[in-house]
C-alpha atoms as a PDB file:
ATOM      1  CA  MET A   1       2.663  -7.248 -22.462  1.00  0.00           C
ATOM      2  CA  THR A   2       2.089  -4.299 -19.832  1.00  0.00           C
ATOM      3  CA  GLY A   3       2.904  -0.666 -20.085  1.00  0.00           C
ATOM      4  CA  GLN A   4       5.758  -1.559 -17.846  1.00  0.00           C
ATOM      5  CA  SER A   5       7.149  -4.528 -19.482  1.00  0.00           C
ATOM      6  CA  PHE A   6       7.247  -6.612 -22.612  1.00  0.00           C
ATOM      7  CA  THR A   7       7.265 -10.520 -22.780  1.00  0.00           C
ATOM      8  CA  PHE A   8       8.908 -12.148 -25.660  1.00  0.00           C
ATOM      9  CA  LYS A   9       9.538 -15.882 -26.318  1.00  0.00           C
ATOM     10  CA  GLN A  10      12.956 -16.223 -24.551  1.00  0.00           C
ATOM     11  CA  PHE A  11      12.982 -12.922 -22.263  1.00  0.00           C
ATOM     12  CA  GLN A  12      11.210 -10.123 -20.678  1.00  0.00           C
ATOM     13  CA  VAL A  13      11.993  -6.545 -20.933  1.00  0.00           C
ATOM     14  CA  HIS A  14      10.968  -3.884 -18.224  1.00  0.00           C
ATOM     15  CA  GLN A  15      11.094  -0.460 -19.091  1.00  0.00           C
ATOM     16  CA  GLU A  16       9.822   1.772 -16.223  1.00  0.00           C
ATOM     17  CA  LYS A  17      13.507   3.237 -15.689  1.00  0.00           C
ATOM     18  CA  SER A  18      14.362   3.890 -19.016  1.00  0.00           C
ATOM     19  CA  GLY A  19      13.776   7.018 -21.436  1.00  0.00           C
ATOM     20  CA  MET A  20      14.132   4.573 -24.323  1.00  0.00           C
ATOM     21  CA  LYS A  21      10.889   2.631 -24.401  1.00  0.00           C
ATOM     22  CA  VAL A  22      10.402  -0.843 -26.100  1.00  0.00           C
ATOM     23  CA  GLY A  23       8.941   0.097 -29.827  1.00  0.00           C
ATOM     24  CA  THR A  24       8.890  -1.308 -33.315  1.00  0.00           C
ATOM     25  CA  ASP A  25      12.274   0.843 -33.994  1.00  0.00           C
ATOM     26  CA  GLY A  26      14.313  -1.355 -31.760  1.00  0.00           C
ATOM     27  CA  VAL A  27      12.423  -4.629 -32.735  1.00  0.00           C
ATOM     28  CA  LEU A  28      13.180  -4.195 -36.417  1.00  0.00           C
ATOM     29  CA  LEU A  29      16.892  -3.289 -35.952  1.00  0.00           C
ATOM     30  CA  GLY A  30      17.289  -6.195 -33.508  1.00  0.00           C
ATOM     31  CA  VAL A  31      15.791  -8.733 -36.247  1.00  0.00           C
ATOM     32  CA  TRP A  32      17.217  -7.190 -39.250  1.00  0.00           C
ATOM     33  CA  ALA A  33      20.936  -6.401 -38.358  1.00  0.00           C
ATOM     34  CA  ASN A  34      24.057  -8.613 -39.228  1.00  0.00           C
ATOM     35  CA  GLY A  35      25.978 -10.028 -36.085  1.00  0.00           C
ATOM     36  CA  GLY A  36      29.305 -11.185 -35.026  1.00  0.00           C
ATOM     37  CA  LYS A  37      31.262 -12.717 -32.347  1.00  0.00           C
ATOM     38  CA  GLN A  38      32.086  -9.344 -30.768  1.00  0.00           C
ATOM     39  CA  ILE A  39      28.814  -6.781 -31.000  1.00  0.00           C
ATOM     40  CA  LEU A  40      28.418  -3.537 -29.366  1.00  0.00           C
ATOM     41  CA  ASP A  41      24.940  -1.839 -28.706  1.00  0.00           C
ATOM     42  CA  ILE A  42      25.302   1.921 -28.662  1.00  0.00           C
ATOM     43  CA  GLY A  43      22.677   3.477 -26.659  1.00  0.00           C
ATOM     44  CA  THR A  44      21.130   0.233 -25.440  1.00  0.00           C
ATOM     45  CA  GLY A  45      18.340   1.589 -23.254  1.00  0.00           C
ATOM     46  CA  THR A  46      16.514  -1.383 -21.766  1.00  0.00           C
ATOM     47  CA  GLY A  47      18.984  -3.954 -23.312  1.00  0.00           C
ATOM     48  CA  LEU A  48      16.343  -4.950 -25.932  1.00  0.00           C
ATOM     49  CA  ILE A  49      18.459  -4.763 -29.167  1.00  0.00           C
ATOM     50  CA  ALA A  50      21.275  -6.616 -27.249  1.00  0.00           C
ATOM     51  CA  LEU A  51      18.827  -9.317 -26.209  1.00  0.00           C
ATOM     52  CA  PHE A  52      17.735  -9.725 -29.689  1.00  0.00           C
ATOM     53  CA  MET A  53      21.484  -9.870 -30.989  1.00  0.00           C
ATOM     54  CA  ALA A  54      22.115 -12.716 -28.150  1.00  0.00           C
ATOM     55  CA  GLN A  55      19.344 -14.811 -29.101  1.00  0.00           C
ATOM     56  CA  ARG A  56      20.110 -14.634 -32.792  1.00  0.00           C
ATOM     57  CA  PHE A  57      23.718 -15.021 -32.564  1.00  0.00           C
ATOM     58  CA  ALA A  58      24.458 -17.939 -30.350  1.00  0.00           C
ATOM     59  CA  ASN A  59      28.225 -17.444 -30.007  1.00  0.00           C
ATOM     60  CA  ALA A  60      28.427 -13.621 -29.664  1.00  0.00           C
ATOM     61  CA  ARG A  61      29.374 -11.602 -26.895  1.00  0.00           C
ATOM     62  CA  ILE A  62      27.639  -8.474 -26.404  1.00  0.00           C
ATOM     63  CA  ASP A  63      28.458  -4.813 -24.951  1.00  0.00           C
ATOM     64  CA  GLY A  64      25.890  -2.299 -24.289  1.00  0.00           C
ATOM     65  CA  ILE A  65      26.549   1.218 -23.483  1.00  0.00           C
ATOM     66  CA  ASP A  66      24.320   3.894 -22.308  1.00  0.00           C
ATOM     67  CA  ILE A  67      24.929   7.410 -21.089  1.00  0.00           C
ATOM     68  CA  ASP A  68      21.917   7.165 -18.361  1.00  0.00           C
ATOM     69  CA  ALA A  69      22.600   5.468 -15.121  1.00  0.00           C
ATOM     70  CA  ASP A  70      19.261   4.383 -14.415  1.00  0.00           C
ATOM     71  CA  THR A  71      18.802   2.917 -17.808  1.00  0.00           C
ATOM     72  CA  CYS A  72      21.709   0.946 -17.444  1.00  0.00           C
ATOM     73  CA  LEU A  73      20.430  -0.541 -14.316  1.00  0.00           C
ATOM     74  CA  GLN A  74      17.097  -1.347 -15.885  1.00  0.00           C
ATOM     75  CA  ALA A  75      19.123  -3.202 -18.719  1.00  0.00           C
ATOM     76  CA  GLN A  76      21.430  -4.868 -16.575  1.00  0.00           C
ATOM     77  CA  GLU A  77      18.038  -6.254 -14.657  1.00  0.00           C
ATOM     78  CA  ASN A  78      16.624  -7.423 -17.746  1.00  0.00           C
ATOM     79  CA  ILE A  79      20.039  -9.002 -18.719  1.00  0.00           C
ATOM     80  CA  ALA A  80      20.251 -10.716 -15.453  1.00  0.00           C
ATOM     81  CA  ALA A  81      16.783 -12.307 -15.680  1.00  0.00           C
ATOM     82  CA  SER A  82      17.643 -13.489 -19.319  1.00  0.00           C
ATOM     83  CA  PRO A  83      19.042 -16.793 -20.621  1.00  0.00           C
ATOM     84  CA  PHE A  84      21.964 -14.761 -22.156  1.00  0.00           C
ATOM     85  CA  LYS A  85      23.214 -13.047 -18.979  1.00  0.00           C
ATOM     86  CA  GLU A  86      26.575 -14.850 -19.411  1.00  0.00           C
ATOM     87  CA  ARG A  87      27.218 -13.153 -22.934  1.00  0.00           C
ATOM     88  CA  ILE A  88      25.871  -9.509 -22.360  1.00  0.00           C
ATOM     89  CA  ILE A  89      27.913  -6.685 -20.488  1.00  0.00           C
ATOM     90  CA  ILE A  90      25.916  -3.454 -19.800  1.00  0.00           C
ATOM     91  CA  LYS A  91      28.320  -0.266 -19.208  1.00  0.00           C
ATOM     92  CA  ASN A  92      27.299   3.358 -18.172  1.00  0.00           C
ATOM     93  CA  ILE A  93      29.481   5.300 -20.450  1.00  0.00           C
ATOM     94  CA  SER A  94      28.869   7.801 -23.436  1.00  0.00           C
ATOM     95  CA  LEU A  95      30.114   6.500 -26.983  1.00  0.00           C
ATOM     96  CA  GLN A  96      32.439   9.402 -26.944  1.00  0.00           C
ATOM     97  CA  ASP A  97      34.097   8.252 -23.822  1.00  0.00           C
ATOM     98  CA  TYR A  98      33.904   4.777 -24.630  1.00  0.00           C
ATOM     99  CA  ALA A  99      35.509   5.396 -28.199  1.00  0.00           C
ATOM    100  CA  PHE A 100      38.005   7.873 -27.375  1.00  0.00           C
ATOM    101  CA  PRO A 101      39.144   7.370 -23.769  1.00  0.00           C
ATOM    102  CA  ALA A 102      41.275   9.900 -21.760  1.00  0.00           C
ATOM    103  CA  LEU A 103      45.057   9.855 -22.972  1.00  0.00           C
ATOM    104  CA  GLU A 104      46.277   8.318 -20.270  1.00  0.00           C
ATOM    105  CA  GLU A 105      43.944   5.001 -20.710  1.00  0.00           C
ATOM    106  CA  PRO A 106      44.767   2.576 -23.314  1.00  0.00           C
ATOM    107  CA  ALA A 107      42.063   2.588 -26.329  1.00  0.00           C
ATOM    108  CA  THR A 108      41.859  -1.222 -25.953  1.00  0.00           C
ATOM    109  CA  LYS A 109      38.392  -1.177 -28.044  1.00  0.00           C
ATOM    110  CA  ALA A 110      39.822   0.135 -31.046  1.00  0.00           C
ATOM    111  CA  ASN A 111      38.635  -1.914 -34.225  1.00  0.00           C
ATOM    112  CA  TYR A 112      37.350  -4.364 -31.995  1.00  0.00           C
ATOM    113  CA  TYR A 113      33.850  -5.082 -32.843  1.00  0.00           C
ATOM    114  CA  ASP A 114      32.914  -7.054 -35.818  1.00  0.00           C
ATOM    115  CA  ALA A 115      29.273  -5.672 -35.617  1.00  0.00           C
ATOM    116  CA  ILE A 116      27.873  -2.682 -34.164  1.00  0.00           C
ATOM    117  CA  VAL A 117      23.918  -1.517 -33.765  1.00  0.00           C
ATOM    118  CA  SER A 118      22.470   1.578 -32.838  1.00  0.00           C
ATOM    119  CA  ASN A 119      18.792   2.857 -32.442  1.00  0.00           C
ATOM    120  CA  PRO A 120      20.258   6.389 -31.904  1.00  0.00           C
ATOM    121  CA  PRO A 121      18.613   9.722 -31.002  1.00  0.00           C
ATOM    122  CA  PHE A 122      17.414  11.548 -33.932  1.00  0.00           C
ATOM    123  CA  PHE A 123      15.466  14.658 -33.113  1.00  0.00           C
ATOM    124  CA  VAL A 124      17.377  17.479 -34.033  1.00  0.00           C
ATOM    125  CA  ASN A 125      14.951  20.722 -34.187  1.00  0.00           C
ATOM    126  CA  SER A 126      11.973  19.329 -32.255  1.00  0.00           C
ATOM    127  CA  LEU A 127      10.727  20.930 -28.815  1.00  0.00           C
ATOM    128  CA  HIS A 128      12.190  18.933 -25.859  1.00  0.00           C
ATOM    129  CA  ASN A 129      10.262  17.008 -23.422  1.00  0.00           C
ATOM    130  CA  PRO A 130      10.280  17.795 -20.063  1.00  0.00           C
ATOM    131  CA  ASP A 131      11.367  14.272 -19.105  1.00  0.00           C
ATOM    132  CA  HIS A 132      15.195  14.404 -19.207  1.00  0.00           C
ATOM    133  CA  LYS A 133      15.429  10.984 -19.589  1.00  0.00           C
ATOM    134  CA  ARG A 134      13.542  10.866 -22.834  1.00  0.00           C
ATOM    135  CA  ASN A 135      15.463  13.795 -24.098  1.00  0.00           C
ATOM    136  CA  VAL A 136      18.623  11.995 -23.571  1.00  0.00           C
ATOM    137  CA  ALA A 137      17.151   8.956 -25.426  1.00  0.00           C
ATOM    138  CA  ARG A 138      15.529  10.766 -28.262  1.00  0.00           C
ATOM    139  CA  HIS A 139      17.567  14.163 -29.135  1.00  0.00           C
ATOM    140  CA  ALA A 140      20.485  14.148 -30.920  1.00  0.00           C
ATOM    141  CA  ASP A 141      22.021  17.065 -28.950  1.00  0.00           C
ATOM    142  CA  PHE A 142      23.440  14.158 -26.547  1.00  0.00           C
ATOM    143  CA  LEU A 143      24.845  12.005 -29.500  1.00  0.00           C
ATOM    144  CA  PRO A 144      25.118  13.965 -32.872  1.00  0.00           C
ATOM    145  CA  PHE A 145      25.079  11.719 -36.002  1.00  0.00           C
ATOM    146  CA  ARG A 146      28.748  13.048 -36.454  1.00  0.00           C
ATOM    147  CA  ASP A 147      29.803  11.863 -33.136  1.00  0.00           C
ATOM    148  CA  LEU A 148      27.868   8.505 -33.513  1.00  0.00           C
ATOM    149  CA  LEU A 149      29.662   7.705 -36.978  1.00  0.00           C
ATOM    150  CA  ARG A 150      33.121   8.910 -35.727  1.00  0.00           C
ATOM    151  CA  GLY A 151      32.795   6.508 -32.612  1.00  0.00           C
ATOM    152  CA  VAL A 152      31.753   3.590 -34.874  1.00  0.00           C
ATOM    153  CA  LYS A 153      34.678   4.283 -37.214  1.00  0.00           C
ATOM    154  CA  GLU A 154      37.097   3.971 -34.094  1.00  0.00           C
ATOM    155  CA  LEU A 155      35.563   0.886 -32.941  1.00  0.00           C
ATOM    156  CA  LEU A 156      34.541  -1.164 -35.801  1.00  0.00           C
ATOM    157  CA  SER A 157      36.814  -4.017 -36.974  1.00  0.00           C
ATOM    158  CA  ALA A 158      38.163  -4.232 -40.792  1.00  0.00           C
ATOM    159  CA  ASP A 159      35.483  -6.407 -41.848  1.00  0.00           C
ATOM    160  CA  GLY A 160      32.832  -5.443 -39.517  1.00  0.00           C
ATOM    161  CA  GLU A 161      29.225  -4.116 -40.307  1.00  0.00           C
ATOM    162  CA  PHE A 162      27.528  -1.180 -38.485  1.00  0.00           C
ATOM    163  CA  SER A 163      23.601  -1.334 -38.392  1.00  0.00           C
ATOM    164  CA  VAL A 164      21.149   1.578 -37.597  1.00  0.00           C
ATOM    165  CA  ILE A 165      17.756   2.542 -37.713  1.00  0.00           C
ATOM    166  CA  ILE A 166      16.852   6.278 -38.663  1.00  0.00           C
ATOM    167  CA  PRO A 167      13.706   8.306 -39.720  1.00  0.00           C
ATOM    168  CA  ALA A 168      13.045   8.582 -43.519  1.00  0.00           C
ATOM    169  CA  GLU A 169      13.632  12.669 -43.315  1.00  0.00           C
ATOM    170  CA  GLU A 170      17.106  12.127 -41.708  1.00  0.00           C
ATOM    171  CA  LEU A 171      18.561   9.633 -44.520  1.00  0.00           C
ATOM    172  CA  ASP A 172      20.514  12.688 -46.584  1.00  0.00           C
ATOM    173  CA  SER A 173      21.759  14.058 -43.488  1.00  0.00           C
ATOM    174  CA  PHE A 174      23.148  10.609 -42.094  1.00  0.00           C
ATOM    175  CA  LEU A 175      24.440   9.307 -45.505  1.00  0.00           C
ATOM    176  CA  SER A 176      26.540  12.813 -45.805  1.00  0.00           C
ATOM    177  CA  GLU A 177      27.888  12.167 -42.405  1.00  0.00           C
ATOM    178  CA  SER A 178      28.763   8.561 -43.174  1.00  0.00           C
ATOM    179  CA  CYS A 179      30.571   9.590 -46.114  1.00  0.00           C
ATOM    180  CA  ILE A 180      32.840  12.314 -44.224  1.00  0.00           C
ATOM    181  CA  SER A 181      33.316   9.425 -41.430  1.00  0.00           C
ATOM    182  CA  GLY A 182      34.602   7.000 -44.106  1.00  0.00           C
ATOM    183  CA  LEU A 183      31.722   4.730 -43.659  1.00  0.00           C
ATOM    184  CA  PHE A 184      29.951   3.127 -46.965  1.00  0.00           C
ATOM    185  CA  GLU A 185      26.353   2.099 -47.243  1.00  0.00           C
ATOM    186  CA  TYR A 186      26.194  -1.722 -47.751  1.00  0.00           C
ATOM    187  CA  ARG A 187      22.417  -2.434 -47.371  1.00  0.00           C
ATOM    188  CA  ARG A 188      19.305  -0.601 -46.971  1.00  0.00           C
ATOM    189  CA  CYS A 189      15.619  -1.559 -45.914  1.00  0.00           C
ATOM    190  CA  SER A 190      13.108   1.044 -46.310  1.00  0.00           C
ATOM    191  CA  ILE A 191      10.020   0.549 -44.179  1.00  0.00           C
ATOM    192  CA  LYS A 192       6.414   1.515 -44.476  1.00  0.00           C
ATOM    193  CA  THR A 193       3.722   1.213 -42.061  1.00  0.00           C
ATOM    194  CA  THR A 194       0.790   0.291 -44.437  1.00  0.00           C
ATOM    195  CA  PRO A 195       1.022  -0.205 -48.161  1.00  0.00           C
ATOM    196  CA  ARG A 196      -0.414   3.084 -48.988  1.00  0.00           C
ATOM    197  CA  LYS A 197       1.869   5.133 -46.511  1.00  0.00           C
ATOM    198  CA  ALA A 198       5.199   6.759 -47.430  1.00  0.00           C
ATOM    199  CA  VAL A 199       8.392   5.202 -46.243  1.00  0.00           C
ATOM    200  CA  LYS A 200       8.723   6.112 -42.439  1.00  0.00           C
ATOM    201  CA  ARG A 201      12.030   4.465 -41.069  1.00  0.00           C
ATOM    202  CA  ILE A 202      15.160   3.228 -42.978  1.00  0.00           C
ATOM    203  CA  LEU A 203      17.341   0.477 -41.876  1.00  0.00           C
ATOM    204  CA  LEU A 204      20.949   1.030 -42.897  1.00  0.00           C
ATOM    205  CA  SER A 205      24.052  -0.944 -42.742  1.00  0.00           C
ATOM    206  CA  PHE A 206      27.683   0.416 -43.353  1.00  0.00           C
ATOM    207  CA  ARG A 207      31.202  -1.121 -43.886  1.00  0.00           C
ATOM    208  CA  ARG A 208      34.524   0.435 -44.231  1.00  0.00           C
ATOM    209  CA  SER A 209      34.631  -0.617 -47.884  1.00  0.00           C
ATOM    210  CA  SER A 210      32.530   0.850 -50.638  1.00  0.00           C
ATOM    211  CA  THR A 211      30.339  -1.121 -52.943  1.00  0.00           C
ATOM    212  CA  GLU A 212      29.065  -0.174 -56.179  1.00  0.00           C
ATOM    213  CA  SER A 213      25.587  -1.352 -55.726  1.00  0.00           C
ATOM    214  CA  PRO A 214      24.111  -1.290 -52.048  1.00  0.00           C
ATOM    215  CA  GLU A 215      21.335  -4.076 -51.397  1.00  0.00           C
ATOM    216  CA  GLN A 216      18.017  -1.962 -51.323  1.00  0.00           C
ATOM    217  CA  GLU A 217      14.593  -3.203 -50.725  1.00  0.00           C
ATOM    218  CA  THR A 218      11.280  -1.709 -49.358  1.00  0.00           C
ATOM    219  CA  HIS A 219       8.921  -3.418 -46.968  1.00  0.00           C
ATOM    220  CA  THR A 220       5.751  -2.918 -45.043  1.00  0.00           C
ATOM    221  CA  LEU A 221       4.838  -3.723 -41.488  1.00  0.00           C
ATOM    222  CA  LEU A 222       1.223  -4.308 -41.744  1.00  0.00           C
ATOM    223  CA  ASN A 223      -1.309  -5.144 -44.369  1.00  0.00           C
ATOM    224  CA  ALA A 224      -4.094  -3.070 -45.139  1.00  0.00           C
ATOM    225  CA  ASP A 225      -6.419  -4.890 -42.650  1.00  0.00           C
ATOM    226  CA  GLY A 226      -4.076  -3.961 -39.908  1.00  0.00           C
ATOM    227  CA  SER A 227      -2.577  -7.576 -39.665  1.00  0.00           C
ATOM    228  CA  ARG A 228       1.486  -8.124 -39.883  1.00  0.00           C
ATOM    229  CA  SER A 229       2.469  -8.378 -43.170  1.00  0.00           C
ATOM    230  CA  GLU A 230       4.251 -11.884 -44.171  1.00  0.00           C
ATOM    231  CA  TRP A 231       7.852 -10.154 -44.161  1.00  0.00           C
ATOM    232  CA  TYR A 232       7.214  -8.780 -40.823  1.00  0.00           C
ATOM    233  CA  ARG A 233       5.626 -11.693 -39.387  1.00  0.00           C
ATOM    234  CA  ASN A 234       8.491 -14.030 -40.585  1.00  0.00           C
ATOM    235  CA  LEU A 235      11.234 -11.723 -39.450  1.00  0.00           C
ATOM    236  CA  THR A 236       9.800 -11.626 -35.710  1.00  0.00           C
ATOM    237  CA  LYS A 237       8.333 -15.137 -35.469  1.00  0.00           C
ATOM    238  CA  ASP A 238      11.249 -16.318 -33.324  1.00  0.00           C
ATOM    239  CA  PHE A 239      10.450 -13.403 -30.631  1.00  0.00           C
ATOM    240  CA  TYR A 240       6.915 -12.354 -30.521  1.00  0.00           C
ATOM    241  CA  LEU A 241       4.487 -14.566 -28.577  1.00  0.00           C
ATOM    242  CA  THR A 242       1.656 -14.287 -31.049  1.00  0.00           C
END
């Protein structure tokens, strides 16, 4: 691992051109989300999550979309160097344009994906970074939760599942928007960094039909001594080198 690239067991991820750097959020979503035969990765960044999904689901075909051209180029290079290059396509397009094309273009992707994943931009009221690429990757100005969920509802198949990772403080806002969009919580995994810390991130999955009792669990990434927890180690054992 270097500052510009990360090496996993079956592929390498370069990130110097991308505003969305490799991080624990992407890894968590990539190893936790349920897959399908047709998968969409919204805001693919370096292609990290698309690559994780391709390794986990050997029969899946995956589309990754991102609004930034250089980021898409980076993802395309990472995909081309991987064993999964025949099953992943990266497209430079916003979710808004992808889910709701111009009227003269047929909406061929409606209700098409049986699995959709996203590590979305989530900063709402924070100061913007001088780095425009990082702003696009991290600030919800460019993909508000409402637009994200509206696009997912348009693209998700009848029995499909949408999985996302968000900061704990954005949970209420995200769930409110999901209800407005007609998507219902199916699974929730709350993540602590260490046993004594508060929940920092939340993994969520949604379906079109409601369930009385969504599955809920809480896990910790690190033990008190700083080593990976048994849960996190088992979840990532097929990806991390050590």
